Amino acid sequence: MKDSWKRPIAESMPDVRYAQQLELQLNKTRDATPEECAAWEQEDFFRAGKFDSMKMFVVLPTLIQLIMMGFMFSVFWFNANNF
């Protein structure tokens, strides 16, 4: 027996085994029961539609942006008056 450089390998060398990654359980799923689907419809905030998309995706980010601009201008004012 020879290694990759064509050198003879002693037969007494230990058998080196590399650790293998465990198999992912992605393809061993099951279908949800109708009762589970109904429960998810009631419990999940976005799936149940218990939100106003205008508030969630327009008004809230706009308020955050305006508040951050206020902080930015206050830092400008602070730096102009103190440095």
C-alpha atoms as a PDB file:
ATOM      1  CA  MET A   1       0.000   0.000   0.000  1.00  0.00           C
ATOM      2  CA  LYS A   2       1.317   3.468  -0.935  1.00  0.00           C
ATOM      3  CA  ASP A   3       0.359   6.986   0.017  1.00  0.00           C
ATOM      4  CA  SER A   4      -0.377   9.824  -2.424  1.00  0.00           C
ATOM      5  CA  TRP A   5       3.389  10.459  -2.899  1.00  0.00           C
ATOM      6  CA  LYS A   6       3.965   6.790  -3.789  1.00  0.00           C
ATOM      7  CA  ARG A   7       5.752   6.075  -0.513  1.00  0.00           C
ATOM      8  CA  PRO A   8       5.185   2.766   1.198  1.00  0.00           C
ATOM      9  CA  ILE A   9       2.842   2.895   4.158  1.00  0.00           C
ATOM     10  CA  ALA A  10       3.423   0.715   7.179  1.00  0.00           C
ATOM     11  CA  GLU A  11       0.475  -1.582   7.817  1.00  0.00           C
ATOM     12  CA  SER A  12       0.507  -0.713  11.521  1.00  0.00           C
ATOM     13  CA  MET A  13      -0.677   2.879  10.947  1.00  0.00           C
ATOM     14  CA  PRO A  14      -3.948   3.671  12.718  1.00  0.00           C
ATOM     15  CA  ASP A  15      -7.071   3.994  10.618  1.00  0.00           C
ATOM     16  CA  VAL A  16      -7.869   7.717  10.541  1.00  0.00           C
ATOM     17  CA  ARG A  17     -11.571   8.501  10.372  1.00  0.00           C
ATOM     18  CA  TYR A  18     -12.881  12.019   9.970  1.00  0.00           C
ATOM     19  CA  ALA A  19     -15.910  13.299  11.818  1.00  0.00           C
ATOM     20  CA  GLN A  20     -18.940  13.483   9.572  1.00  0.00           C
ATOM     21  CA  GLN A  21     -21.700  16.047   9.698  1.00  0.00           C
ATOM     22  CA  LEU A  22     -24.962  14.690  11.018  1.00  0.00           C
ATOM     23  CA  GLU A  23     -27.778  14.289   8.532  1.00  0.00           C
ATOM     24  CA  LEU A  24     -30.303  17.125   8.512  1.00  0.00           C
ATOM     25  CA  GLN A  25     -33.902  16.152   9.157  1.00  0.00           C
ATOM     26  CA  LEU A  26     -35.292  18.395   6.394  1.00  0.00           C
ATOM     27  CA  ASN A  27     -37.011  15.755   4.301  1.00  0.00           C
ATOM     28  CA  LYS A  28     -38.688  13.956   7.192  1.00  0.00           C
ATOM     29  CA  THR A  29     -41.594  16.341   7.674  1.00  0.00           C
ATOM     30  CA  ARG A  30     -45.265  15.661   8.113  1.00  0.00           C
ATOM     31  CA  ASP A  31     -48.338  17.515   6.933  1.00  0.00           C
ATOM     32  CA  ALA A  32     -50.152  19.655   9.464  1.00  0.00           C
ATOM     33  CA  THR A  33     -53.597  18.625  10.566  1.00  0.00           C
ATOM     34  CA  PRO A  34     -56.546  20.929   9.814  1.00  0.00           C
ATOM     35  CA  GLU A  35     -56.799  21.691  13.550  1.00  0.00           C
ATOM     36  CA  GLU A  36     -53.152  22.816  13.635  1.00  0.00           C
ATOM     37  CA  CYS A  37     -53.715  25.029  10.571  1.00  0.00           C
ATOM     38  CA  ALA A  38     -56.757  26.623  12.183  1.00  0.00           C
ATOM     39  CA  ALA A  39     -54.782  27.272  15.374  1.00  0.00           C
ATOM     40  CA  TRP A  40     -51.982  28.899  13.370  1.00  0.00           C
ATOM     41  CA  GLU A  41     -54.515  31.087  11.563  1.00  0.00           C
ATOM     42  CA  GLN A  42     -55.680  32.436  14.932  1.00  0.00           C
ATOM     43  CA  GLU A  43     -52.304  32.665  16.724  1.00  0.00           C
ATOM     44  CA  ASP A  44     -49.960  34.017  14.053  1.00  0.00           C
ATOM     45  CA  PHE A  45     -50.020  37.835  13.974  1.00  0.00           C
ATOM     46  CA  PHE A  46     -49.209  38.274  10.279  1.00  0.00           C
ATOM     47  CA  ARG A  47     -51.136  35.255   8.989  1.00  0.00           C
ATOM     48  CA  ALA A  48     -54.281  36.285  10.866  1.00  0.00           C
ATOM     49  CA  GLY A  49     -54.051  39.775   9.333  1.00  0.00           C
ATOM     50  CA  LYS A  50     -54.458  41.568  12.643  1.00  0.00           C
ATOM     51  CA  PHE A  51     -52.411  44.540  11.480  1.00  0.00           C
ATOM     52  CA  ASP A  52     -52.807  47.565   9.272  1.00  0.00           C
ATOM     53  CA  SER A  53     -50.163  47.368   6.564  1.00  0.00           C
ATOM     54  CA  MET A  54     -50.084  51.164   6.137  1.00  0.00           C
ATOM     55  CA  LYS A  55     -49.101  51.618   9.785  1.00  0.00           C
ATOM     56  CA  MET A  56     -46.748  48.659   9.837  1.00  0.00           C
ATOM     57  CA  PHE A  57     -44.737  49.343   6.688  1.00  0.00           C
ATOM     58  CA  VAL A  58     -45.069  53.112   6.087  1.00  0.00           C
ATOM     59  CA  VAL A  59     -45.920  55.103   9.191  1.00  0.00           C
ATOM     60  CA  LEU A  60     -43.684  53.293  11.690  1.00  0.00           C
ATOM     61  CA  PRO A  61     -40.485  53.451   9.553  1.00  0.00           C
ATOM     62  CA  THR A  62     -41.230  57.115   8.734  1.00  0.00           C
ATOM     63  CA  LEU A  63     -41.496  57.969  12.430  1.00  0.00           C
ATOM     64  CA  ILE A  64     -38.250  56.148  13.171  1.00  0.00           C
ATOM     65  CA  GLN A  65     -36.516  57.999  10.339  1.00  0.00           C
ATOM     66  CA  LEU A  66     -37.773  61.396  11.554  1.00  0.00           C
ATOM     67  CA  ILE A  67     -36.656  60.671  15.110  1.00  0.00           C
ATOM     68  CA  MET A  68     -33.192  59.658  13.862  1.00  0.00           C
ATOM     69  CA  MET A  69     -32.968  62.863  11.793  1.00  0.00           C
ATOM     70  CA  GLY A  70     -33.825  64.816  14.954  1.00  0.00           C
ATOM     71  CA  PHE A  71     -30.989  63.044  16.785  1.00  0.00           C
ATOM     72  CA  MET A  72     -28.624  63.781  13.889  1.00  0.00           C
ATOM     73  CA  PHE A  73     -29.475  67.501  13.863  1.00  0.00           C
ATOM     74  CA  SER A  74     -29.136  67.667  17.641  1.00  0.00           C
ATOM     75  CA  VAL A  75     -25.615  66.213  17.350  1.00  0.00           C
ATOM     76  CA  PHE A  76     -24.827  68.820  14.651  1.00  0.00           C
ATOM     77  CA  TRP A  77     -26.082  71.573  16.956  1.00  0.00           C
ATOM     78  CA  PHE A  78     -24.151  70.154  19.932  1.00  0.00           C
ATOM     79  CA  ASN A  79     -20.922  69.920  17.931  1.00  0.00           C
ATOM     80  CA  ALA A  80     -21.319  73.431  16.510  1.00  0.00           C
ATOM     81  CA  ASN A  81     -21.814  74.973  19.951  1.00  0.00           C
ATOM     82  CA  ASN A  82     -19.229  72.987  21.909  1.00  0.00           C
ATOM     83  CA  PHE A  83     -16.322  72.389  19.551  1.00  0.00           C
END
